[in-house]
């Protein structure tokens, strides 16, 4: 069963232009993600999907495969849909290019779940820690059934409460590791527009949910940190230093 990892890397991000190439401890962020992804599927099965030649050239200099995708792609998953047209595989894993601390073990968990549930979209989630703000719009929150099927995902803090609770509620956030099959991606790409809730929330996985597609959530380790805005760089670098110390 052929599995590839695709890392969408858009240069012209509205919140943080050039984000994939920012240096974290002297290394481009996209390189951190690509090297960790290669531990799961080997370097030859890791692809960076981008719309910009700055990223394309930088990635190939690092020794990884880069594929140019359309500037008209609405989301990272639309970039994967373009890759699915060009490269045949059984499982396509989307690992976000702004997750330099992504765990190879978590990627493998997502792959294993896709093998078990081949006709469901797989997505990661984790607990929002006490030092994180559940009201941050940069952290999509998830609610799910008891058997871990996604009910909804929102930039707002969900679930809501009619009355204030004395005890602190546990919130969960999305971890941006996804797994799809080829048919799911091709259908996604053919849609050629954002669905209603997807457009409101600006969360790409909602396109599948609005179609009635089952999205199964797989719990990942705590401590997932993404670079959403420039202010995140210092705390992510601190986490990377700690990661290096533990893995010496």
C-alpha atoms as a PDB file:
ATOM      1  CA  UNK A   1       0.000   0.000   0.000  1.00  0.00           C
ATOM      2  CA  UNK A   2       1.648   3.212  -1.196  1.00  0.00           C
ATOM      3  CA  UNK A   3       1.571   6.122   1.233  1.00  0.00           C
ATOM      4  CA  UNK A   4       2.928   9.582   0.513  1.00  0.00           C
ATOM      5  CA  UNK A   5       3.154  12.682   2.651  1.00  0.00           C
ATOM      6  CA  UNK A   6       2.368  16.012   1.031  1.00  0.00           C
ATOM      7  CA  UNK A   7       3.279  19.249   2.784  1.00  0.00           C
ATOM      8  CA  UNK A   8       1.346  22.243   1.401  1.00  0.00           C
ATOM      9  CA  UNK A   9       3.562  25.329   1.554  1.00  0.00           C
ATOM     10  CA  UNK A  10       2.062  28.609   0.392  1.00  0.00           C
ATOM     11  CA  UNK A  11       4.347  31.633   0.212  1.00  0.00           C
ATOM     12  CA  UNK A  12       1.643  34.288   0.054  1.00  0.00           C
ATOM     13  CA  UNK A  13      -0.035  33.578   3.370  1.00  0.00           C
ATOM     14  CA  UNK A  14      -2.402  36.367   4.400  1.00  0.00           C
ATOM     15  CA  UNK A  15      -1.375  36.209   8.075  1.00  0.00           C
ATOM     16  CA  UNK A  16       2.338  35.518   7.589  1.00  0.00           C
ATOM     17  CA  UNK A  17       3.827  35.898   4.082  1.00  0.00           C
ATOM     18  CA  UNK A  18       6.865  33.703   3.454  1.00  0.00           C
ATOM     19  CA  UNK A  19       6.141  31.600   6.534  1.00  0.00           C
ATOM     20  CA  UNK A  20       7.463  28.232   5.219  1.00  0.00           C
ATOM     21  CA  UNK A  21      10.960  29.708   4.762  1.00  0.00           C
ATOM     22  CA  UNK A  22      11.336  31.480   8.097  1.00  0.00           C
ATOM     23  CA  UNK A  23      14.369  30.275  10.029  1.00  0.00           C
ATOM     24  CA  UNK A  24      13.860  28.402  13.263  1.00  0.00           C
ATOM     25  CA  UNK A  25      17.184  27.879  15.026  1.00  0.00           C
ATOM     26  CA  UNK A  26      18.853  28.551  11.684  1.00  0.00           C
ATOM     27  CA  UNK A  27      16.845  26.033   9.648  1.00  0.00           C
ATOM     28  CA  UNK A  28      13.841  26.824   7.398  1.00  0.00           C
ATOM     29  CA  UNK A  29      10.591  25.720   9.011  1.00  0.00           C
ATOM     30  CA  UNK A  30       9.586  23.639   5.988  1.00  0.00           C
ATOM     31  CA  UNK A  31      12.812  21.641   6.370  1.00  0.00           C
ATOM     32  CA  UNK A  32      11.990  20.754   9.983  1.00  0.00           C
ATOM     33  CA  UNK A  33       8.617  19.398   8.863  1.00  0.00           C
ATOM     34  CA  UNK A  34       9.991  17.545   5.819  1.00  0.00           C
ATOM     35  CA  UNK A  35      12.747  15.822   7.799  1.00  0.00           C
ATOM     36  CA  UNK A  36      10.314  14.628  10.472  1.00  0.00           C
ATOM     37  CA  UNK A  37       7.881  13.413   7.796  1.00  0.00           C
ATOM     38  CA  UNK A  38      10.686  11.472   6.062  1.00  0.00           C
ATOM     39  CA  UNK A  39      11.159   9.416   9.227  1.00  0.00           C
ATOM     40  CA  UNK A  40       7.746   7.871   8.566  1.00  0.00           C
ATOM     41  CA  UNK A  41       7.604   7.244   4.802  1.00  0.00           C
ATOM     42  CA  UNK A  42      11.235   7.865   3.694  1.00  0.00           C
ATOM     43  CA  UNK A  43      12.454  10.966   1.893  1.00  0.00           C
ATOM     44  CA  UNK A  44      11.438   9.714  -1.572  1.00  0.00           C
ATOM     45  CA  UNK A  45       7.765   9.701  -0.522  1.00  0.00           C
ATOM     46  CA  UNK A  46       7.688  13.252   0.853  1.00  0.00           C
ATOM     47  CA  UNK A  47       6.492  16.031  -1.446  1.00  0.00           C
ATOM     48  CA  UNK A  48       6.191  19.763  -0.893  1.00  0.00           C
ATOM     49  CA  UNK A  49       3.292  21.338  -2.800  1.00  0.00           C
ATOM     50  CA  UNK A  50       3.768  25.045  -3.419  1.00  0.00           C
ATOM     51  CA  UNK A  51       2.740  27.901  -5.671  1.00  0.00           C
ATOM     52  CA  UNK A  52       5.999  29.811  -5.377  1.00  0.00           C
ATOM     53  CA  UNK A  53       9.412  29.212  -6.937  1.00  0.00           C
ATOM     54  CA  UNK A  54      11.225  30.565  -3.860  1.00  0.00           C
ATOM     55  CA  UNK A  55       9.896  27.629  -1.885  1.00  0.00           C
ATOM     56  CA  UNK A  56      10.301  25.217  -4.820  1.00  0.00           C
ATOM     57  CA  UNK A  57      13.989  26.079  -5.257  1.00  0.00           C
ATOM     58  CA  UNK A  58      14.725  26.062  -1.521  1.00  0.00           C
ATOM     59  CA  UNK A  59      13.116  22.665  -1.039  1.00  0.00           C
ATOM     60  CA  UNK A  60      14.973  21.044  -3.946  1.00  0.00           C
ATOM     61  CA  UNK A  61      18.250  22.433  -2.570  1.00  0.00           C
ATOM     62  CA  UNK A  62      17.404  20.637   0.687  1.00  0.00           C
ATOM     63  CA  UNK A  63      17.129  17.388  -1.273  1.00  0.00           C
ATOM     64  CA  UNK A  64      13.333  17.037  -1.109  1.00  0.00           C
ATOM     65  CA  UNK A  65      10.815  16.788  -3.930  1.00  0.00           C
ATOM     66  CA  UNK A  66       8.762  19.879  -4.715  1.00  0.00           C
ATOM     67  CA  UNK A  67       5.791  20.134  -7.052  1.00  0.00           C
ATOM     68  CA  UNK A  68       4.340  23.370  -8.355  1.00  0.00           C
ATOM     69  CA  UNK A  69       0.608  23.767  -7.828  1.00  0.00           C
ATOM     70  CA  UNK A  70      -1.806  26.428  -9.000  1.00  0.00           C
ATOM     71  CA  UNK A  71      -1.906  29.860  -7.405  1.00  0.00           C
ATOM     72  CA  UNK A  72      -5.689  29.485  -7.551  1.00  0.00           C
ATOM     73  CA  UNK A  73      -5.758  26.663  -4.979  1.00  0.00           C
ATOM     74  CA  UNK A  74      -8.177  27.692  -2.238  1.00  0.00           C
ATOM     75  CA  UNK A  75      -6.695  25.499   0.511  1.00  0.00           C
ATOM     76  CA  UNK A  76      -3.856  23.137   1.274  1.00  0.00           C
ATOM     77  CA  UNK A  77      -6.179  20.210   0.612  1.00  0.00           C
ATOM     78  CA  UNK A  78      -6.863  21.625  -2.860  1.00  0.00           C
ATOM     79  CA  UNK A  79      -3.091  21.442  -3.397  1.00  0.00           C
ATOM     80  CA  UNK A  80      -3.199  17.786  -2.396  1.00  0.00           C
ATOM     81  CA  UNK A  81      -6.010  17.272  -4.893  1.00  0.00           C
ATOM     82  CA  UNK A  82      -3.706  18.562  -7.633  1.00  0.00           C
ATOM     83  CA  UNK A  83      -0.972  16.194  -6.445  1.00  0.00           C
ATOM     84  CA  UNK A  84      -3.446  13.286  -6.507  1.00  0.00           C
ATOM     85  CA  UNK A  85      -4.017  13.938 -10.216  1.00  0.00           C
ATOM     86  CA  UNK A  86      -0.285  13.593 -10.877  1.00  0.00           C
ATOM     87  CA  UNK A  87       0.799  10.903  -8.413  1.00  0.00           C
ATOM     88  CA  UNK A  88      -1.140   7.716  -7.684  1.00  0.00           C
ATOM     89  CA  UNK A  89      -1.074   6.467  -4.109  1.00  0.00           C
ATOM     90  CA  UNK A  90      -3.364   4.608  -1.718  1.00  0.00           C
ATOM     91  CA  UNK A  91      -3.015   7.073   1.148  1.00  0.00           C
ATOM     92  CA  UNK A  92      -2.187  10.763   0.969  1.00  0.00           C
ATOM     93  CA  UNK A  93      -1.176  12.369   4.251  1.00  0.00           C
ATOM     94  CA  UNK A  94      -1.386  16.126   4.598  1.00  0.00           C
ATOM     95  CA  UNK A  95       1.137  17.456   7.123  1.00  0.00           C
ATOM     96  CA  UNK A  96       0.994  21.189   7.632  1.00  0.00           C
ATOM     97  CA  UNK A  97       4.169  23.095   6.841  1.00  0.00           C
ATOM     98  CA  UNK A  98       3.848  25.240   9.969  1.00  0.00           C
ATOM     99  CA  UNK A  99       4.129  22.315  12.428  1.00  0.00           C
ATOM    100  CA  UNK A 100       7.920  22.013  12.972  1.00  0.00           C
ATOM    101  CA  UNK A 101       7.369  19.860  16.058  1.00  0.00           C
ATOM    102  CA  UNK A 102       5.092  17.354  14.374  1.00  0.00           C
ATOM    103  CA  UNK A 103       5.558  13.887  15.822  1.00  0.00           C
ATOM    104  CA  UNK A 104       6.459  11.046  13.427  1.00  0.00           C
ATOM    105  CA  UNK A 105       4.586   8.708  15.796  1.00  0.00           C
ATOM    106  CA  UNK A 106       1.458  10.834  15.385  1.00  0.00           C
ATOM    107  CA  UNK A 107       1.782  10.762  11.594  1.00  0.00           C
ATOM    108  CA  UNK A 108       2.030   6.977  11.787  1.00  0.00           C
ATOM    109  CA  UNK A 109      -1.093   6.841  13.993  1.00  0.00           C
ATOM    110  CA  UNK A 110      -3.012   8.793  11.344  1.00  0.00           C
ATOM    111  CA  UNK A 111      -1.779   6.427   8.620  1.00  0.00           C
ATOM    112  CA  UNK A 112      -2.746   3.366  10.665  1.00  0.00           C
ATOM    113  CA  UNK A 113      -6.226   4.785  11.216  1.00  0.00           C
ATOM    114  CA  UNK A 114      -6.661   5.388   7.480  1.00  0.00           C
ATOM    115  CA  UNK A 115      -5.736   1.783   6.790  1.00  0.00           C
ATOM    116  CA  UNK A 116      -8.352   0.686   9.324  1.00  0.00           C
ATOM    117  CA  UNK A 117     -11.017   3.129   8.073  1.00  0.00           C
ATOM    118  CA  UNK A 118     -10.171   3.556   4.367  1.00  0.00           C
ATOM    119  CA  UNK A 119     -13.426   5.324   3.484  1.00  0.00           C
ATOM    120  CA  UNK A 120     -13.272   7.921   6.241  1.00  0.00           C
ATOM    121  CA  UNK A 121     -11.243  11.127   6.358  1.00  0.00           C
ATOM    122  CA  UNK A 122      -8.778  11.002   9.260  1.00  0.00           C
ATOM    123  CA  UNK A 123      -7.722  14.051  11.283  1.00  0.00           C
ATOM    124  CA  UNK A 124      -5.704  14.569  14.451  1.00  0.00           C
ATOM    125  CA  UNK A 125      -6.726  16.318  17.665  1.00  0.00           C
ATOM    126  CA  UNK A 126      -5.318  17.021  21.102  1.00  0.00           C
ATOM    127  CA  UNK A 127      -6.142  18.688  24.409  1.00  0.00           C
ATOM    128  CA  UNK A 128      -5.790  22.453  24.653  1.00  0.00           C
ATOM    129  CA  UNK A 129      -3.330  23.006  27.470  1.00  0.00           C
ATOM    130  CA  UNK A 130      -3.971  25.356  30.389  1.00  0.00           C
ATOM    131  CA  UNK A 131      -1.483  27.925  29.071  1.00  0.00           C
ATOM    132  CA  UNK A 132      -3.301  28.103  25.714  1.00  0.00           C
ATOM    133  CA  UNK A 133      -6.301  30.314  25.050  1.00  0.00           C
ATOM    134  CA  UNK A 134      -9.327  28.346  23.799  1.00  0.00           C
ATOM    135  CA  UNK A 135     -10.799  31.589  22.484  1.00  0.00           C
ATOM    136  CA  UNK A 136      -7.930  32.145  20.057  1.00  0.00           C
ATOM    137  CA  UNK A 137      -9.240  32.124  16.493  1.00  0.00           C
ATOM    138  CA  UNK A 138      -5.899  30.662  15.380  1.00  0.00           C
ATOM    139  CA  UNK A 139      -6.725  27.339  17.067  1.00  0.00           C
ATOM    140  CA  UNK A 140      -9.681  25.464  15.545  1.00  0.00           C
ATOM    141  CA  UNK A 141     -11.583  23.646  18.282  1.00  0.00           C
ATOM    142  CA  UNK A 142     -13.264  20.262  17.769  1.00  0.00           C
ATOM    143  CA  UNK A 143     -16.223  18.451  19.290  1.00  0.00           C
ATOM    144  CA  UNK A 144     -16.891  14.799  18.554  1.00  0.00           C
ATOM    145  CA  UNK A 145     -19.020  11.768  19.344  1.00  0.00           C
ATOM    146  CA  UNK A 146     -18.015   9.148  21.862  1.00  0.00           C
ATOM    147  CA  UNK A 147     -16.583   7.003  19.057  1.00  0.00           C
ATOM    148  CA  UNK A 148     -14.463   9.960  17.862  1.00  0.00           C
ATOM    149  CA  UNK A 149     -16.437  11.052  14.816  1.00  0.00           C
ATOM    150  CA  UNK A 150     -16.191  14.791  14.251  1.00  0.00           C
ATOM    151  CA  UNK A 151     -19.404  16.709  14.997  1.00  0.00           C
ATOM    152  CA  UNK A 152     -18.073  20.207  14.316  1.00  0.00           C
ATOM    153  CA  UNK A 153     -14.900  22.267  14.200  1.00  0.00           C
ATOM    154  CA  UNK A 154     -14.831  25.986  14.879  1.00  0.00           C
ATOM    155  CA  UNK A 155     -12.542  28.916  15.562  1.00  0.00           C
ATOM    156  CA  UNK A 156     -14.843  29.714  18.472  1.00  0.00           C
ATOM    157  CA  UNK A 157     -14.556  27.925  21.828  1.00  0.00           C
ATOM    158  CA  UNK A 158     -16.907  24.950  21.585  1.00  0.00           C
ATOM    159  CA  UNK A 159     -18.931  23.471  23.168  1.00  0.00           C
ATOM    160  CA  UNK A 160     -20.679  26.490  24.651  1.00  0.00           C
ATOM    161  CA  UNK A 161     -22.429  26.527  28.026  1.00  0.00           C
ATOM    162  CA  UNK A 162     -25.738  28.000  29.100  1.00  0.00           C
ATOM    163  CA  UNK A 163     -24.469  28.461  32.640  1.00  0.00           C
ATOM    164  CA  UNK A 164     -20.986  29.185  33.884  1.00  0.00           C
ATOM    165  CA  UNK A 165     -19.283  26.164  35.389  1.00  0.00           C
ATOM    166  CA  UNK A 166     -17.182  26.217  38.532  1.00  0.00           C
ATOM    167  CA  UNK A 167     -14.880  23.564  37.111  1.00  0.00           C
ATOM    168  CA  UNK A 168     -12.713  24.225  34.081  1.00  0.00           C
ATOM    169  CA  UNK A 169     -13.936  22.526  30.914  1.00  0.00           C
ATOM    170  CA  UNK A 170     -11.469  20.621  28.761  1.00  0.00           C
ATOM    171  CA  UNK A 171     -11.305  21.908  25.187  1.00  0.00           C
ATOM    172  CA  UNK A 172      -9.823  20.071  22.239  1.00  0.00           C
ATOM    173  CA  UNK A 173      -8.096  21.509  19.189  1.00  0.00           C
ATOM    174  CA  UNK A 174      -7.436  20.222  15.721  1.00  0.00           C
ATOM    175  CA  UNK A 175      -3.965  18.929  14.904  1.00  0.00           C
ATOM    176  CA  UNK A 176      -3.375  19.458  11.213  1.00  0.00           C
ATOM    177  CA  UNK A 177      -2.422  15.971  10.111  1.00  0.00           C
ATOM    178  CA  UNK A 178      -4.954  14.499   7.690  1.00  0.00           C
ATOM    179  CA  UNK A 179      -5.214  11.277   5.691  1.00  0.00           C
ATOM    180  CA  UNK A 180      -7.236  10.839   2.498  1.00  0.00           C
ATOM    181  CA  UNK A 181      -7.637   8.364  -0.326  1.00  0.00           C
ATOM    182  CA  UNK A 182      -7.348   9.429  -3.956  1.00  0.00           C
ATOM    183  CA  UNK A 183     -11.087   9.531  -4.643  1.00  0.00           C
ATOM    184  CA  UNK A 184     -11.713  11.821  -1.664  1.00  0.00           C
ATOM    185  CA  UNK A 185      -9.100  14.276  -2.878  1.00  0.00           C
ATOM    186  CA  UNK A 186     -10.243  14.287  -6.482  1.00  0.00           C
ATOM    187  CA  UNK A 187     -13.819  15.029  -5.408  1.00  0.00           C
ATOM    188  CA  UNK A 188     -12.581  17.792  -3.110  1.00  0.00           C
ATOM    189  CA  UNK A 189     -10.622  19.421  -5.920  1.00  0.00           C
ATOM    190  CA  UNK A 190     -13.484  19.234  -8.412  1.00  0.00           C
ATOM    191  CA  UNK A 191     -15.748  21.215  -6.075  1.00  0.00           C
ATOM    192  CA  UNK A 192     -13.770  24.311  -7.072  1.00  0.00           C
ATOM    193  CA  UNK A 193     -15.161  26.550  -4.329  1.00  0.00           C
ATOM    194  CA  UNK A 194     -15.390  26.730  -0.567  1.00  0.00           C
ATOM    195  CA  UNK A 195     -18.527  25.291   1.012  1.00  0.00           C
ATOM    196  CA  UNK A 196     -20.684  27.582   3.159  1.00  0.00           C
ATOM    197  CA  UNK A 197     -19.349  26.764   6.637  1.00  0.00           C
ATOM    198  CA  UNK A 198     -15.845  26.309   5.293  1.00  0.00           C
ATOM    199  CA  UNK A 199     -15.986  29.869   3.998  1.00  0.00           C
ATOM    200  CA  UNK A 200     -17.361  31.252   7.280  1.00  0.00           C
ATOM    201  CA  UNK A 201     -14.837  29.506   9.528  1.00  0.00           C
ATOM    202  CA  UNK A 202     -11.956  29.324   7.021  1.00  0.00           C
ATOM    203  CA  UNK A 203     -11.380  25.685   7.989  1.00  0.00           C
ATOM    204  CA  UNK A 204     -10.877  23.432   4.984  1.00  0.00           C
ATOM    205  CA  UNK A 205     -11.955  20.132   6.572  1.00  0.00           C
ATOM    206  CA  UNK A 206     -15.499  21.509   6.864  1.00  0.00           C
ATOM    207  CA  UNK A 207     -15.989  20.948   3.133  1.00  0.00           C
ATOM    208  CA  UNK A 208     -16.002  17.202   3.798  1.00  0.00           C
ATOM    209  CA  UNK A 209     -18.245  17.545   6.852  1.00  0.00           C
ATOM    210  CA  UNK A 210     -20.826  19.546   4.911  1.00  0.00           C
ATOM    211  CA  UNK A 211     -21.004  16.728   2.356  1.00  0.00           C
ATOM    212  CA  UNK A 212     -21.844  14.284   5.136  1.00  0.00           C
ATOM    213  CA  UNK A 213     -18.447  12.614   4.985  1.00  0.00           C
ATOM    214  CA  UNK A 214     -17.349  10.815   8.150  1.00  0.00           C
ATOM    215  CA  UNK A 215     -14.289  12.450   9.687  1.00  0.00           C
ATOM    216  CA  UNK A 216     -12.636  10.326  12.343  1.00  0.00           C
ATOM    217  CA  UNK A 217     -10.442  12.002  14.946  1.00  0.00           C
ATOM    218  CA  UNK A 218      -7.280  10.395  16.262  1.00  0.00           C
ATOM    219  CA  UNK A 219      -5.732  11.708  19.449  1.00  0.00           C
ATOM    220  CA  UNK A 220      -2.142  12.888  19.190  1.00  0.00           C
ATOM    221  CA  UNK A 221       0.395  13.908  21.790  1.00  0.00           C
ATOM    222  CA  UNK A 222      -0.029  17.115  23.751  1.00  0.00           C
ATOM    223  CA  UNK A 223       2.314  19.952  23.055  1.00  0.00           C
ATOM    224  CA  UNK A 224       1.640  20.423  19.355  1.00  0.00           C
ATOM    225  CA  UNK A 225       2.838  23.905  18.416  1.00  0.00           C
ATOM    226  CA  UNK A 226       2.276  25.655  15.112  1.00  0.00           C
ATOM    227  CA  UNK A 227       3.638  28.937  13.794  1.00  0.00           C
ATOM    228  CA  UNK A 228       0.445  30.814  12.978  1.00  0.00           C
ATOM    229  CA  UNK A 229       1.739  34.368  13.357  1.00  0.00           C
ATOM    230  CA  UNK A 230       5.222  35.951  13.831  1.00  0.00           C
ATOM    231  CA  UNK A 231       4.642  36.147  17.583  1.00  0.00           C
ATOM    232  CA  UNK A 232       4.722  32.325  17.740  1.00  0.00           C
ATOM    233  CA  UNK A 233       8.365  32.068  16.607  1.00  0.00           C
ATOM    234  CA  UNK A 234      10.023  32.540  20.010  1.00  0.00           C
ATOM    235  CA  UNK A 235       7.928  29.937  21.824  1.00  0.00           C
ATOM    236  CA  UNK A 236       8.349  27.430  18.980  1.00  0.00           C
ATOM    237  CA  UNK A 237      12.129  27.937  18.969  1.00  0.00           C
ATOM    238  CA  UNK A 238      12.166  27.386  22.733  1.00  0.00           C
ATOM    239  CA  UNK A 239      10.267  24.123  22.239  1.00  0.00           C
ATOM    240  CA  UNK A 240      12.687  23.074  19.482  1.00  0.00           C
ATOM    241  CA  UNK A 241      15.675  23.690  21.772  1.00  0.00           C
ATOM    242  CA  UNK A 242      14.055  21.479  24.393  1.00  0.00           C
ATOM    243  CA  UNK A 243      13.342  18.864  21.709  1.00  0.00           C
ATOM    244  CA  UNK A 244      17.004  18.867  20.663  1.00  0.00           C
ATOM    245  CA  UNK A 245      18.190  18.395  24.240  1.00  0.00           C
ATOM    246  CA  UNK A 246      15.891  15.407  24.788  1.00  0.00           C
ATOM    247  CA  UNK A 247      16.980  13.760  21.536  1.00  0.00           C
ATOM    248  CA  UNK A 248      20.760  14.104  21.850  1.00  0.00           C
END
